[in-house]
Structure formats: structure tokens, C-alpha cells
Amino acid sequence: MSNSAAPVLVVVDRADEEGYALARGRRLAQALDAPLELFAVEFDQAMEGSHFRVTERLEAARSARVDASGAWLESLARPLRAEGLQVGVAAVYANPPHDAVTRRALATRALVTVLRTQHHRWLARATLSAADWQLIRLCPAPLLLAKGRPWPEQPHLLAAVDPSHRDDRHALLDHAILDLVQRLAGGLGAQASVAHCVLSMAALESTAALAMMPEALGAAPEDYAAELHRQARENVLALLARHGMAASSLRLLEGRPERELPRLAAELGADVLVTGGISRSRVEQVFIGGTAERLLDHVDCDLLVVKPPGFTCPLA
């Protein structure tokens, strides 16, 4: 590997005392035959604000903090290098941290960005004050949000796809998800399953247009639901066939993704749920509500969010 090879970027945080993010990064770097970069973002509110001018003394204090962080990262990198991994370290003083992480992912062309995630209060989620929620929107690289559970020797990957082909962007995203899952499964020796959610009969019956105007559909709601299921299965099986994946890996679910996917992940004992992240409008960015964001606090396993090909990062 050359020094310019794209790395697995691990955001290292002292609050992650168990080292879950670092452990995930190590496994991914080995699986992808990629270098590893340990990255830390330092910031101290006491060094900010209108009460302080940016003086040489203040700049020196910030630099000292970054230097100390870099030395700490080096102490984490040494045993990994002894294992044969190529490991770089970088630390910056910046705020907000999600911008710094995004810019580092852009600069290094990271293969995957890994971050330890915690449960969030609703208000923190709604206002995007948590770095991981911001990174779901911003990060150009696949984003692995690590929960507090170690991976087994052969982890189970669960990919959520939606081959309804509403537009080319969604279709390309499904392929990107499965391409990454297959690459990771091969490197990790992991099992891979694929899930797709379709509307439940209860949801269809509760929709006024369906309950009151079945003639507009050309079928009764129950017949329309059966046709939706048939088409969904055909579409997902065609997608799997294009990737050389077995039909037996498919799990067709009925209901809302944010409810059914966590249930299935728990049932299968999945270690990583892989889902897509589609960028939204400015209004939607203030009160986020995409599937990936809604899943974050509802799954016990890690969440890997994949952007569609051609995604343009707002910070690029």
C-alpha cells in the first residue's frame, strides 16, 4: 500500500473508554487491506468566547492541547503498527467537530469513517447538536456509527435496500450498499442478509385514498397490497441476482423500516445494519427525519450509513 492509499478514518474520543471505534477501525482496515488513520478533534469552550482575544498565549495553549492529543494517538497507534497495520495520526483544534471530521474524510478520501455513537435525547436529535447526527448528513464516506457491543469473529451484516426505483439516485444507492456489504463480508468472513420493507395491510387500510377510492387503484386494498408484495420481492431478487447473492439472504418485511429493521436485526443477531443516506433540503436538515437518523437510536447494533454515488458534500 502506498502512503497515499485511502484510509479507514477512526474518530478517536477519550469518552470511548472501551475503544469500540478503534476496534472497529482495526477490523475494517484489515478487511479492506487499507491503512488506518486515527483522528482527534480538540476544543475547549474556555478558550473561546467574546471575553478572550486570540493572542499568542492562547494559540500556544491550543497548540499544546493538539500536541498532547497527537502524542496520545501515537500511543494507540504503536501496538497496531506492531501488528503490521499502516497507521497514521492527526489531531486538530476545531469546532464544530462534525465539520472537522467531514473535512478530514474529504481530504483523505476515507474508505470508511468510524465514530463511537451514544443514545441521544430527542431535542439533541431534532436540532442536530450531536456530531454523529450531523455526520449522517455531511460525511461523504460510508459512516460506521459504533455502538457498545464487540463484533464476533464472523460478524453478521444486514443490508437494507429499497429497489422501488423512484429515481436513478435510489437505484444507484442500492447497488452501492450491496457492493460495500459484499466487500466487507469477504474481508471479514461475515454473513450477509438483505432486507426490504413494504407497506403493511394496516397502513394501506388506514390511507384514506385506498380505503375510500379502491377503484382509483383498479383493485381492492388487499389485492393491491398483495401486488405490492409480489413486485417488491421480484425487484429485490433481481437486485440480488445482479450482485450474485443468494435469494435465501432476502428478508421481506411488512411495516415501517424504523420499526421492522431493528426488530429483524435483533432477531438475526446482526452486528451491523447497513442503510442508505440521502441528502435533504435545508428545512429537512434542521429537523432530520430520514430512515438512517430514525434508526440510530432504535438499533442495538452498529449502523453503517452509505451515501449514493455522486453525493456532493456541502463542505466540499
C-alpha atoms as a PDB file:
ATOM      1  CA  MET A   1       0.000   0.000   0.000  1.00  0.00           C
ATOM      2  CA  SER A   2       1.287   3.462  -0.794  1.00  0.00           C
ATOM      3  CA  ASN A   3       1.243   6.317   1.665  1.00  0.00           C
ATOM      4  CA  SER A   4      -1.487   7.945  -0.425  1.00  0.00           C
ATOM      5  CA  ALA A   5      -3.873   4.984  -0.134  1.00  0.00           C
ATOM      6  CA  ALA A   6      -7.327   5.923   1.142  1.00  0.00           C
ATOM      7  CA  PRO A   7      -7.588   5.038   4.837  1.00  0.00           C
ATOM      8  CA  VAL A   8     -10.182   3.830   7.255  1.00  0.00           C
ATOM      9  CA  LEU A   9     -10.668   7.002   9.292  1.00  0.00           C
ATOM     10  CA  VAL A  10     -11.327   6.449  13.002  1.00  0.00           C
ATOM     11  CA  VAL A  11     -12.528   9.371  15.091  1.00  0.00           C
ATOM     12  CA  VAL A  12     -10.922   8.670  18.461  1.00  0.00           C
ATOM     13  CA  ASP A  13     -12.611  10.089  21.548  1.00  0.00           C
ATOM     14  CA  ARG A  14     -11.389   9.754  25.131  1.00  0.00           C
ATOM     15  CA  ALA A  15     -15.021   9.207  26.160  1.00  0.00           C
ATOM     16  CA  ASP A  16     -14.903   5.899  24.260  1.00  0.00           C
ATOM     17  CA  GLU A  17     -13.105   4.213  27.147  1.00  0.00           C
ATOM     18  CA  GLU A  18     -13.725   0.705  25.801  1.00  0.00           C
ATOM     19  CA  GLY A  19     -12.194   1.631  22.448  1.00  0.00           C
ATOM     20  CA  TYR A  20     -15.115   0.390  20.358  1.00  0.00           C
ATOM     21  CA  ALA A  21     -14.437   2.774  17.448  1.00  0.00           C
ATOM     22  CA  LEU A  22     -10.746   1.865  17.370  1.00  0.00           C
ATOM     23  CA  ALA A  23     -11.531  -1.865  17.451  1.00  0.00           C
ATOM     24  CA  ARG A  24     -13.962  -1.462  14.534  1.00  0.00           C
ATOM     25  CA  GLY A  25     -11.416   0.554  12.578  1.00  0.00           C
ATOM     26  CA  ARG A  26      -8.751  -2.097  13.071  1.00  0.00           C
ATOM     27  CA  ARG A  27     -11.051  -4.855  11.784  1.00  0.00           C
ATOM     28  CA  LEU A  28     -12.139  -2.771   8.793  1.00  0.00           C
ATOM     29  CA  ALA A  29      -8.580  -1.815   7.845  1.00  0.00           C
ATOM     30  CA  GLN A  30      -7.619  -5.480   7.861  1.00  0.00           C
ATOM     31  CA  ALA A  31     -10.726  -6.484   5.891  1.00  0.00           C
ATOM     32  CA  LEU A  32     -10.247  -3.773   3.265  1.00  0.00           C
ATOM     33  CA  ASP A  33      -6.443  -4.076   3.150  1.00  0.00           C
ATOM     34  CA  ALA A  34      -6.291  -0.367   3.854  1.00  0.00           C
ATOM     35  CA  PRO A  35      -4.254   1.943   6.063  1.00  0.00           C
ATOM     36  CA  LEU A  36      -5.745   3.297   9.255  1.00  0.00           C
ATOM     37  CA  GLU A  37      -5.850   6.909  10.403  1.00  0.00           C
ATOM     38  CA  LEU A  38      -6.593   7.870  13.994  1.00  0.00           C
ATOM     39  CA  PHE A  39      -8.115  11.337  14.133  1.00  0.00           C
ATOM     40  CA  ALA A  40      -8.951  13.505  17.149  1.00  0.00           C
ATOM     41  CA  VAL A  41     -10.754  16.830  17.356  1.00  0.00           C
ATOM     42  CA  GLU A  42      -9.876  19.074  20.291  1.00  0.00           C
ATOM     43  CA  PHE A  43     -11.915  22.015  21.507  1.00  0.00           C
ATOM     44  CA  ASP A  44     -12.261  23.873  24.800  1.00  0.00           C
ATOM     45  CA  GLN A  45     -15.057  26.368  25.333  1.00  0.00           C
ATOM     46  CA  ALA A  46     -12.938  28.066  27.986  1.00  0.00           C
ATOM     47  CA  MET A  47     -10.572  29.134  25.215  1.00  0.00           C
ATOM     48  CA  GLU A  48     -13.378  30.716  23.206  1.00  0.00           C
ATOM     49  CA  GLY A  49     -15.918  33.480  23.519  1.00  0.00           C
ATOM     50  CA  SER A  50     -16.018  37.248  23.483  1.00  0.00           C
ATOM     51  CA  HIS A  51     -14.052  37.510  26.722  1.00  0.00           C
ATOM     52  CA  PHE A  52     -10.851  36.354  25.005  1.00  0.00           C
ATOM     53  CA  ARG A  53      -8.813  37.698  22.163  1.00  0.00           C
ATOM     54  CA  VAL A  54      -6.809  35.322  20.044  1.00  0.00           C
ATOM     55  CA  THR A  55      -3.361  36.010  21.465  1.00  0.00           C
ATOM     56  CA  GLU A  56      -0.049  34.217  21.083  1.00  0.00           C
ATOM     57  CA  ARG A  57      -0.552  32.757  24.547  1.00  0.00           C
ATOM     58  CA  LEU A  58      -3.977  31.407  23.637  1.00  0.00           C
ATOM     59  CA  GLU A  59      -2.713  29.978  20.356  1.00  0.00           C
ATOM     60  CA  ALA A  60       0.127  28.303  22.244  1.00  0.00           C
ATOM     61  CA  ALA A  61      -2.370  26.723  24.637  1.00  0.00           C
ATOM     62  CA  ARG A  62      -4.404  25.373  21.752  1.00  0.00           C
ATOM     63  CA  SER A  63      -1.286  24.030  20.052  1.00  0.00           C
ATOM     64  CA  ALA A  64      -0.199  22.342  23.276  1.00  0.00           C
ATOM     65  CA  ARG A  65      -3.581  20.648  23.514  1.00  0.00           C
ATOM     66  CA  VAL A  66      -3.326  19.374  19.936  1.00  0.00           C
ATOM     67  CA  ASP A  67       0.249  18.167  20.540  1.00  0.00           C
ATOM     68  CA  ALA A  68      -0.867  16.245  23.619  1.00  0.00           C
ATOM     69  CA  SER A  69      -3.697  14.698  21.642  1.00  0.00           C
ATOM     70  CA  GLY A  70      -1.288  13.696  18.887  1.00  0.00           C
ATOM     71  CA  ALA A  71       1.021  12.037  21.429  1.00  0.00           C
ATOM     72  CA  TRP A  72      -1.939  10.095  22.838  1.00  0.00           C
ATOM     73  CA  LEU A  73      -2.929   8.943  19.352  1.00  0.00           C
ATOM     74  CA  GLU A  74       0.651   7.798  18.758  1.00  0.00           C
ATOM     75  CA  SER A  75       0.448   5.652  21.895  1.00  0.00           C
ATOM     76  CA  LEU A  76      -2.658   3.999  20.443  1.00  0.00           C
ATOM     77  CA  ALA A  77      -1.051   3.576  17.021  1.00  0.00           C
ATOM     78  CA  ARG A  78       2.145   1.817  18.141  1.00  0.00           C
ATOM     79  CA  PRO A  79       0.615  -1.580  19.022  1.00  0.00           C
ATOM     80  CA  LEU A  80      -1.404  -1.510  15.786  1.00  0.00           C
ATOM     81  CA  ARG A  81       1.755  -0.888  13.764  1.00  0.00           C
ATOM     82  CA  ALA A  82       3.350  -3.812  15.574  1.00  0.00           C
ATOM     83  CA  GLU A  83       0.553  -5.963  14.107  1.00  0.00           C
ATOM     84  CA  GLY A  84       1.603  -4.886  10.627  1.00  0.00           C
ATOM     85  CA  LEU A  85      -1.010  -2.188  10.038  1.00  0.00           C
ATOM     86  CA  GLN A  86      -0.087   1.106   8.403  1.00  0.00           C
ATOM     87  CA  VAL A  87      -1.336   3.712  10.879  1.00  0.00           C
ATOM     88  CA  GLY A  88      -1.250   7.496  10.689  1.00  0.00           C
ATOM     89  CA  VAL A  89      -2.423  10.000  13.277  1.00  0.00           C
ATOM     90  CA  ALA A  90      -3.799  13.527  13.065  1.00  0.00           C
ATOM     91  CA  ALA A  91      -5.255  15.952  15.593  1.00  0.00           C
ATOM     92  CA  VAL A  92      -6.823  19.365  15.099  1.00  0.00           C
ATOM     93  CA  TYR A  93      -8.332  22.111  17.199  1.00  0.00           C
ATOM     94  CA  ALA A  94     -11.733  22.857  15.675  1.00  0.00           C
ATOM     95  CA  ASN A  95     -15.406  23.488  16.290  1.00  0.00           C
ATOM     96  CA  PRO A  96     -17.887  22.102  15.401  1.00  0.00           C
ATOM     97  CA  PRO A  97     -16.326  18.634  15.451  1.00  0.00           C
ATOM     98  CA  HIS A  98     -18.532  17.199  12.710  1.00  0.00           C
ATOM     99  CA  ASP A  99     -17.196  19.776  10.255  1.00  0.00           C
ATOM    100  CA  ALA A 100     -13.625  18.838  11.146  1.00  0.00           C
ATOM    101  CA  VAL A 101     -14.355  15.129  10.701  1.00  0.00           C
ATOM    102  CA  THR A 102     -16.091  15.755   7.377  1.00  0.00           C
ATOM    103  CA  ARG A 103     -13.198  17.845   6.071  1.00  0.00           C
ATOM    104  CA  ARG A 104     -10.730  15.137   7.121  1.00  0.00           C
ATOM    105  CA  ALA A 105     -12.797  12.464   5.368  1.00  0.00           C
ATOM    106  CA  LEU A 106     -12.752  14.624   2.235  1.00  0.00           C
ATOM    107  CA  ALA A 107      -9.011  15.338   2.456  1.00  0.00           C
ATOM    108  CA  THR A 108      -8.045  11.684   2.928  1.00  0.00           C
ATOM    109  CA  ARG A 109     -10.761  10.238   0.636  1.00  0.00           C
ATOM    110  CA  ALA A 110     -11.590   7.899   3.502  1.00  0.00           C
ATOM    111  CA  LEU A 111     -12.941   4.461   2.596  1.00  0.00           C
ATOM    112  CA  VAL A 112     -14.996   4.391   5.792  1.00  0.00           C
ATOM    113  CA  THR A 113     -15.297   6.812   8.692  1.00  0.00           C
ATOM    114  CA  VAL A 114     -15.783   5.241  12.129  1.00  0.00           C
ATOM    115  CA  LEU A 115     -17.270   7.018  15.129  1.00  0.00           C
ATOM    116  CA  ARG A 116     -18.484   5.887  18.547  1.00  0.00           C
ATOM    117  CA  THR A 117     -22.128   6.837  18.999  1.00  0.00           C
ATOM    118  CA  GLN A 118     -24.255   7.322  22.094  1.00  0.00           C
ATOM    119  CA  HIS A 119     -28.002   7.486  22.707  1.00  0.00           C
ATOM    120  CA  HIS A 120     -29.406  10.981  22.170  1.00  0.00           C
ATOM    121  CA  ARG A 121     -32.206  12.896  23.745  1.00  0.00           C
ATOM    122  CA  TRP A 122     -34.939  13.899  21.291  1.00  0.00           C
ATOM    123  CA  LEU A 123     -34.024  17.596  21.347  1.00  0.00           C
ATOM    124  CA  ALA A 124     -30.389  16.842  20.577  1.00  0.00           C
ATOM    125  CA  ARG A 125     -31.502  14.791  17.591  1.00  0.00           C
ATOM    126  CA  ALA A 126     -34.054  17.314  16.362  1.00  0.00           C
ATOM    127  CA  THR A 127     -31.639  20.235  16.384  1.00  0.00           C
ATOM    128  CA  LEU A 128     -28.676  18.283  15.031  1.00  0.00           C
ATOM    129  CA  SER A 129     -26.478  19.152  18.012  1.00  0.00           C
ATOM    130  CA  ALA A 130     -24.878  15.703  18.099  1.00  0.00           C
ATOM    131  CA  ALA A 131     -21.868  15.163  15.847  1.00  0.00           C
ATOM    132  CA  ASP A 132     -22.970  11.748  14.627  1.00  0.00           C
ATOM    133  CA  TRP A 133     -26.364  13.027  13.501  1.00  0.00           C
ATOM    134  CA  GLN A 134     -24.632  15.815  11.587  1.00  0.00           C
ATOM    135  CA  LEU A 135     -22.205  13.368  10.017  1.00  0.00           C
ATOM    136  CA  ILE A 136     -25.060  11.238   8.671  1.00  0.00           C
ATOM    137  CA  ARG A 137     -25.913  14.278   6.567  1.00  0.00           C
ATOM    138  CA  LEU A 138     -22.418  15.563   5.790  1.00  0.00           C
ATOM    139  CA  CYS A 139     -19.882  12.749   5.679  1.00  0.00           C
ATOM    140  CA  PRO A 140     -19.012  11.732   2.093  1.00  0.00           C
ATOM    141  CA  ALA A 141     -17.549   8.369   3.146  1.00  0.00           C
ATOM    142  CA  PRO A 142     -19.585   5.423   4.432  1.00  0.00           C
ATOM    143  CA  LEU A 143     -20.122   6.227   8.109  1.00  0.00           C
ATOM    144  CA  LEU A 144     -19.944   3.469  10.712  1.00  0.00           C
ATOM    145  CA  LEU A 145     -21.582   4.526  13.974  1.00  0.00           C
ATOM    146  CA  ALA A 146     -20.307   2.057  16.560  1.00  0.00           C
ATOM    147  CA  LYS A 147     -22.495   1.005  19.450  1.00  0.00           C
ATOM    148  CA  GLY A 148     -21.328  -0.609  22.688  1.00  0.00           C
ATOM    149  CA  ARG A 149     -21.064  -4.245  21.621  1.00  0.00           C
ATOM    150  CA  PRO A 150     -17.937  -6.047  20.370  1.00  0.00           C
ATOM    151  CA  TRP A 151     -18.026  -7.769  16.996  1.00  0.00           C
ATOM    152  CA  PRO A 152     -17.693 -11.561  16.943  1.00  0.00           C
ATOM    153  CA  GLU A 153     -15.021 -13.207  14.807  1.00  0.00           C
ATOM    154  CA  GLN A 154     -17.543 -13.517  11.950  1.00  0.00           C
ATOM    155  CA  PRO A 155     -19.991 -10.612  12.215  1.00  0.00           C
ATOM    156  CA  HIS A 156     -23.441 -10.568  10.620  1.00  0.00           C
ATOM    157  CA  LEU A 157     -24.170  -7.721   8.190  1.00  0.00           C
ATOM    158  CA  LEU A 158     -27.780  -6.752   7.454  1.00  0.00           C
ATOM    159  CA  ALA A 159     -28.277  -4.540   4.395  1.00  0.00           C
ATOM    160  CA  ALA A 160     -31.481  -2.528   3.980  1.00  0.00           C
ATOM    161  CA  VAL A 161     -32.373  -1.802   0.357  1.00  0.00           C
ATOM    162  CA  ASP A 162     -35.304  -0.175  -1.422  1.00  0.00           C
ATOM    163  CA  PRO A 163     -35.370  -1.143  -5.114  1.00  0.00           C
ATOM    164  CA  SER A 164     -38.577   0.720  -5.848  1.00  0.00           C
ATOM    165  CA  HIS A 165     -36.555   2.701  -8.407  1.00  0.00           C
ATOM    166  CA  ARG A 166     -38.214   6.011  -7.629  1.00  0.00           C
ATOM    167  CA  ASP A 167     -35.236   7.615  -9.357  1.00  0.00           C
ATOM    168  CA  ASP A 168     -31.739   6.712 -10.525  1.00  0.00           C
ATOM    169  CA  ARG A 169     -30.161   8.024  -7.331  1.00  0.00           C
ATOM    170  CA  HIS A 170     -32.005   5.488  -5.169  1.00  0.00           C
ATOM    171  CA  ALA A 171     -31.243   2.662  -7.592  1.00  0.00           C
ATOM    172  CA  LEU A 172     -27.528   3.508  -7.551  1.00  0.00           C
ATOM    173  CA  LEU A 173     -27.607   3.692  -3.766  1.00  0.00           C
ATOM    174  CA  ASP A 174     -28.904   0.115  -3.503  1.00  0.00           C
ATOM    175  CA  HIS A 175     -26.001  -1.069  -5.650  1.00  0.00           C
ATOM    176  CA  ALA A 176     -23.513   0.943  -3.573  1.00  0.00           C
ATOM    177  CA  ILE A 177     -24.874  -0.634  -0.376  1.00  0.00           C
ATOM    178  CA  LEU A 178     -24.580  -4.174  -1.701  1.00  0.00           C
ATOM    179  CA  ASP A 179     -21.146  -3.551  -3.254  1.00  0.00           C
ATOM    180  CA  LEU A 180     -19.827  -2.419   0.134  1.00  0.00           C
ATOM    181  CA  VAL A 181     -21.556  -5.217   2.035  1.00  0.00           C
ATOM    182  CA  GLN A 182     -20.069  -7.831  -0.280  1.00  0.00           C
ATOM    183  CA  ARG A 183     -16.600  -6.334   0.039  1.00  0.00           C
ATOM    184  CA  LEU A 184     -16.831  -6.228   3.827  1.00  0.00           C
ATOM    185  CA  ALA A 185     -18.336  -9.703   4.047  1.00  0.00           C
ATOM    186  CA  GLY A 186     -15.465 -11.090   2.005  1.00  0.00           C
ATOM    187  CA  GLY A 187     -12.805  -9.373   4.111  1.00  0.00           C
ATOM    188  CA  LEU A 188     -14.416 -10.065   7.468  1.00  0.00           C
ATOM    189  CA  GLY A 189     -15.665 -13.562   6.725  1.00  0.00           C
ATOM    190  CA  ALA A 190     -19.080 -12.186   7.610  1.00  0.00           C
ATOM    191  CA  GLN A 191     -22.585 -13.429   6.914  1.00  0.00           C
ATOM    192  CA  ALA A 192     -24.726 -11.045   4.852  1.00  0.00           C
ATOM    193  CA  SER A 193     -28.517 -10.692   4.826  1.00  0.00           C
ATOM    194  CA  VAL A 194     -30.658  -8.261   2.831  1.00  0.00           C
ATOM    195  CA  ALA A 195     -33.930  -6.698   3.976  1.00  0.00           C
ATOM    196  CA  HIS A 196     -36.634  -4.644   2.320  1.00  0.00           C
ATOM    197  CA  CYS A 197     -39.746  -3.164   3.943  1.00  0.00           C
ATOM    198  CA  VAL A 198     -43.107  -2.901   2.203  1.00  0.00           C
ATOM    199  CA  LEU A 199     -46.263  -1.235   3.443  1.00  0.00           C
ATOM    200  CA  SER A 200     -48.346  -3.310   5.811  1.00  0.00           C
ATOM    201  CA  MET A 201     -52.005  -4.049   5.119  1.00  0.00           C
ATOM    202  CA  ALA A 202     -52.904  -1.968   8.168  1.00  0.00           C
ATOM    203  CA  ALA A 203     -51.029   1.013   6.721  1.00  0.00           C
ATOM    204  CA  LEU A 204     -52.788   0.632   3.402  1.00  0.00           C
ATOM    205  CA  GLU A 205     -56.200   0.361   5.006  1.00  0.00           C
ATOM    206  CA  SER A 206     -55.560   3.465   7.091  1.00  0.00           C
ATOM    207  CA  THR A 207     -54.848   5.524   3.978  1.00  0.00           C
ATOM    208  CA  ALA A 208     -57.991   7.372   3.053  1.00  0.00           C
ATOM    209  CA  ALA A 209     -57.295   7.247  -0.658  1.00  0.00           C
ATOM    210  CA  LEU A 210     -57.100   3.487  -0.553  1.00  0.00           C
ATOM    211  CA  ALA A 211     -59.983   2.921   1.834  1.00  0.00           C
ATOM    212  CA  MET A 212     -62.369   5.296   0.048  1.00  0.00           C
ATOM    213  CA  MET A 213     -61.314   5.028  -3.587  1.00  0.00           C
ATOM    214  CA  PRO A 214     -60.196   1.468  -4.407  1.00  0.00           C
ATOM    215  CA  GLU A 215     -61.497   1.998  -7.916  1.00  0.00           C
ATOM    216  CA  ALA A 216     -58.676   4.507  -8.460  1.00  0.00           C
ATOM    217  CA  LEU A 217     -56.232   1.630  -7.940  1.00  0.00           C
ATOM    218  CA  GLY A 218     -58.103  -0.805 -10.112  1.00  0.00           C
ATOM    219  CA  ALA A 219     -58.188  -3.296  -7.221  1.00  0.00           C
ATOM    220  CA  ALA A 220     -59.341  -3.721  -3.640  1.00  0.00           C
ATOM    221  CA  PRO A 221     -56.778  -2.635  -0.996  1.00  0.00           C
ATOM    222  CA  GLU A 222     -55.949  -6.255  -0.068  1.00  0.00           C
ATOM    223  CA  ASP A 223     -55.334  -7.153  -3.720  1.00  0.00           C
ATOM    224  CA  TYR A 224     -53.253  -4.031  -4.211  1.00  0.00           C
ATOM    225  CA  ALA A 225     -51.177  -4.941  -1.124  1.00  0.00           C
ATOM    226  CA  ALA A 226     -50.577  -8.439  -2.464  1.00  0.00           C
ATOM    227  CA  GLU A 227     -49.397  -6.990  -5.767  1.00  0.00           C
ATOM    228  CA  LEU A 228     -47.042  -4.600  -3.941  1.00  0.00           C
ATOM    229  CA  HIS A 229     -45.510  -7.547  -2.090  1.00  0.00           C
ATOM    230  CA  ARG A 230     -45.108  -9.541  -5.302  1.00  0.00           C
ATOM    231  CA  GLN A 231     -43.433  -6.656  -7.113  1.00  0.00           C
ATOM    232  CA  ALA A 232     -41.191  -5.886  -4.130  1.00  0.00           C
ATOM    233  CA  ARG A 233     -39.976  -9.477  -3.933  1.00  0.00           C
ATOM    234  CA  GLU A 234     -39.296  -9.592  -7.673  1.00  0.00           C
ATOM    235  CA  ASN A 235     -37.389  -6.300  -7.561  1.00  0.00           C
ATOM    236  CA  VAL A 236     -35.197  -7.306  -4.616  1.00  0.00           C
ATOM    237  CA  LEU A 237     -34.491 -10.764  -6.055  1.00  0.00           C
ATOM    238  CA  ALA A 238     -33.445  -9.136  -9.343  1.00  0.00           C
ATOM    239  CA  LEU A 239     -31.140  -6.806  -7.386  1.00  0.00           C
ATOM    240  CA  LEU A 240     -29.607  -9.746  -5.512  1.00  0.00           C
ATOM    241  CA  ALA A 241     -29.116 -11.675  -8.742  1.00  0.00           C
ATOM    242  CA  ARG A 242     -27.160  -8.775 -10.239  1.00  0.00           C
ATOM    243  CA  HIS A 243     -24.792  -9.000  -7.273  1.00  0.00           C
ATOM    244  CA  GLY A 244     -24.553 -12.762  -7.270  1.00  0.00           C
ATOM    245  CA  MET A 245     -26.234 -13.011  -3.869  1.00  0.00           C
ATOM    246  CA  ALA A 246     -28.434 -15.941  -2.891  1.00  0.00           C
ATOM    247  CA  ALA A 247     -32.209 -15.499  -2.778  1.00  0.00           C
ATOM    248  CA  SER A 248     -32.117 -17.105   0.669  1.00  0.00           C
ATOM    249  CA  SER A 249     -30.412 -13.983   2.038  1.00  0.00           C
ATOM    250  CA  LEU A 250     -33.615 -11.943   1.480  1.00  0.00           C
ATOM    251  CA  ARG A 251     -35.875 -10.921   4.342  1.00  0.00           C
ATOM    252  CA  LEU A 252     -39.057  -9.196   3.100  1.00  0.00           C
ATOM    253  CA  LEU A 253     -40.639  -7.227   5.935  1.00  0.00           C
ATOM    254  CA  GLU A 254     -44.053  -5.658   6.313  1.00  0.00           C
ATOM    255  CA  GLY A 255     -44.185  -2.300   8.079  1.00  0.00           C
ATOM    256  CA  ARG A 256     -42.152   0.838   8.656  1.00  0.00           C
ATOM    257  CA  PRO A 257     -38.356   0.479   8.350  1.00  0.00           C
ATOM    258  CA  GLU A 258     -37.606   2.234  11.651  1.00  0.00           C
ATOM    259  CA  ARG A 259     -39.720  -0.376  13.453  1.00  0.00           C
ATOM    260  CA  GLU A 260     -39.133  -3.536  11.454  1.00  0.00           C
ATOM    261  CA  LEU A 261     -35.414  -3.255  10.740  1.00  0.00           C
ATOM    262  CA  PRO A 262     -34.386  -3.024  14.437  1.00  0.00           C
ATOM    263  CA  ARG A 263     -36.659  -5.988  15.181  1.00  0.00           C
ATOM    264  CA  LEU A 264     -35.110  -8.049  12.404  1.00  0.00           C
ATOM    265  CA  ALA A 265     -31.580  -7.025  13.367  1.00  0.00           C
ATOM    266  CA  ALA A 266     -32.222  -8.251  16.915  1.00  0.00           C
ATOM    267  CA  GLU A 267     -33.839 -11.464  15.665  1.00  0.00           C
ATOM    268  CA  LEU A 268     -30.899 -12.276  13.384  1.00  0.00           C
ATOM    269  CA  GLY A 269     -28.284 -11.137  15.883  1.00  0.00           C
ATOM    270  CA  ALA A 270     -26.945  -8.694  13.297  1.00  0.00           C
ATOM    271  CA  ASP A 271     -23.808  -6.777  14.252  1.00  0.00           C
ATOM    272  CA  VAL A 272     -24.099  -4.056  11.592  1.00  0.00           C
ATOM    273  CA  LEU A 273     -27.189  -2.628   9.906  1.00  0.00           C
ATOM    274  CA  VAL A 274     -26.245  -1.060   6.563  1.00  0.00           C
ATOM    275  CA  THR A 275     -28.594   1.579   5.212  1.00  0.00           C
ATOM    276  CA  GLY A 276     -28.561   4.467   2.767  1.00  0.00           C
ATOM    277  CA  GLY A 277     -28.332   8.165   3.493  1.00  0.00           C
ATOM    278  CA  ILE A 278     -29.957  10.562   1.028  1.00  0.00           C
ATOM    279  CA  SER A 279     -29.326  14.291   1.358  1.00  0.00           C
ATOM    280  CA  ARG A 280     -32.331  16.507   2.009  1.00  0.00           C
ATOM    281  CA  SER A 281     -33.432  20.130   1.728  1.00  0.00           C
ATOM    282  CA  ARG A 282     -32.320  22.854   4.123  1.00  0.00           C
ATOM    283  CA  VAL A 283     -35.614  22.687   6.012  1.00  0.00           C
ATOM    284  CA  GLU A 284     -35.296  18.925   6.394  1.00  0.00           C
ATOM    285  CA  GLN A 285     -31.727  19.386   7.617  1.00  0.00           C
ATOM    286  CA  VAL A 286     -32.987  21.345  10.633  1.00  0.00           C
ATOM    287  CA  PHE A 287     -35.411  18.679  11.863  1.00  0.00           C
ATOM    288  CA  ILE A 288     -33.972  15.496  10.419  1.00  0.00           C
ATOM    289  CA  GLY A 289     -36.184  12.528   9.890  1.00  0.00           C
ATOM    290  CA  GLY A 290     -34.640  10.211   7.318  1.00  0.00           C
ATOM    291  CA  THR A 291     -34.599   6.465   7.824  1.00  0.00           C
ATOM    292  CA  ALA A 292     -30.934   6.398   8.868  1.00  0.00           C
ATOM    293  CA  GLU A 293     -31.468   9.038  11.541  1.00  0.00           C
ATOM    294  CA  ARG A 294     -34.619   7.385  12.878  1.00  0.00           C
ATOM    295  CA  LEU A 295     -32.813   4.051  13.077  1.00  0.00           C
ATOM    296  CA  LEU A 296     -29.822   5.336  15.016  1.00  0.00           C
ATOM    297  CA  ASP A 297     -31.424   5.257  18.455  1.00  0.00           C
ATOM    298  CA  HIS A 298     -33.594   2.205  17.763  1.00  0.00           C
ATOM    299  CA  VAL A 299     -30.996  -0.412  16.850  1.00  0.00           C
ATOM    300  CA  ASP A 300     -28.686  -2.105  19.329  1.00  0.00           C
ATOM    301  CA  CYS A 301     -26.143  -2.958  16.655  1.00  0.00           C
ATOM    302  CA  ASP A 302     -23.805  -0.680  14.715  1.00  0.00           C
ATOM    303  CA  LEU A 303     -25.235   1.455  11.914  1.00  0.00           C
ATOM    304  CA  LEU A 304     -23.335   1.865   8.637  1.00  0.00           C
ATOM    305  CA  VAL A 305     -24.700   4.714   6.502  1.00  0.00           C
ATOM    306  CA  VAL A 306     -23.817   4.749   2.797  1.00  0.00           C
ATOM    307  CA  LYS A 307     -24.162   7.783   0.535  1.00  0.00           C
ATOM    308  CA  PRO A 308     -25.313   7.441  -3.088  1.00  0.00           C
ATOM    309  CA  PRO A 309     -22.704   7.674  -5.865  1.00  0.00           C
ATOM    310  CA  GLY A 310     -22.273  11.267  -6.895  1.00  0.00           C
ATOM    311  CA  PHE A 311     -23.079  12.623  -3.440  1.00  0.00           C
ATOM    312  CA  THR A 312     -21.855  16.203  -3.088  1.00  0.00           C
ATOM    313  CA  CYS A 313     -20.761  17.122   0.414  1.00  0.00           C
ATOM    314  CA  PRO A 314     -21.943  20.613   1.464  1.00  0.00           C
ATOM    315  CA  LEU A 315     -18.432  21.326   2.784  1.00  0.00           C
ATOM    316  CA  ALA A 316     -16.602  20.260  -0.365  1.00  0.00           C
END
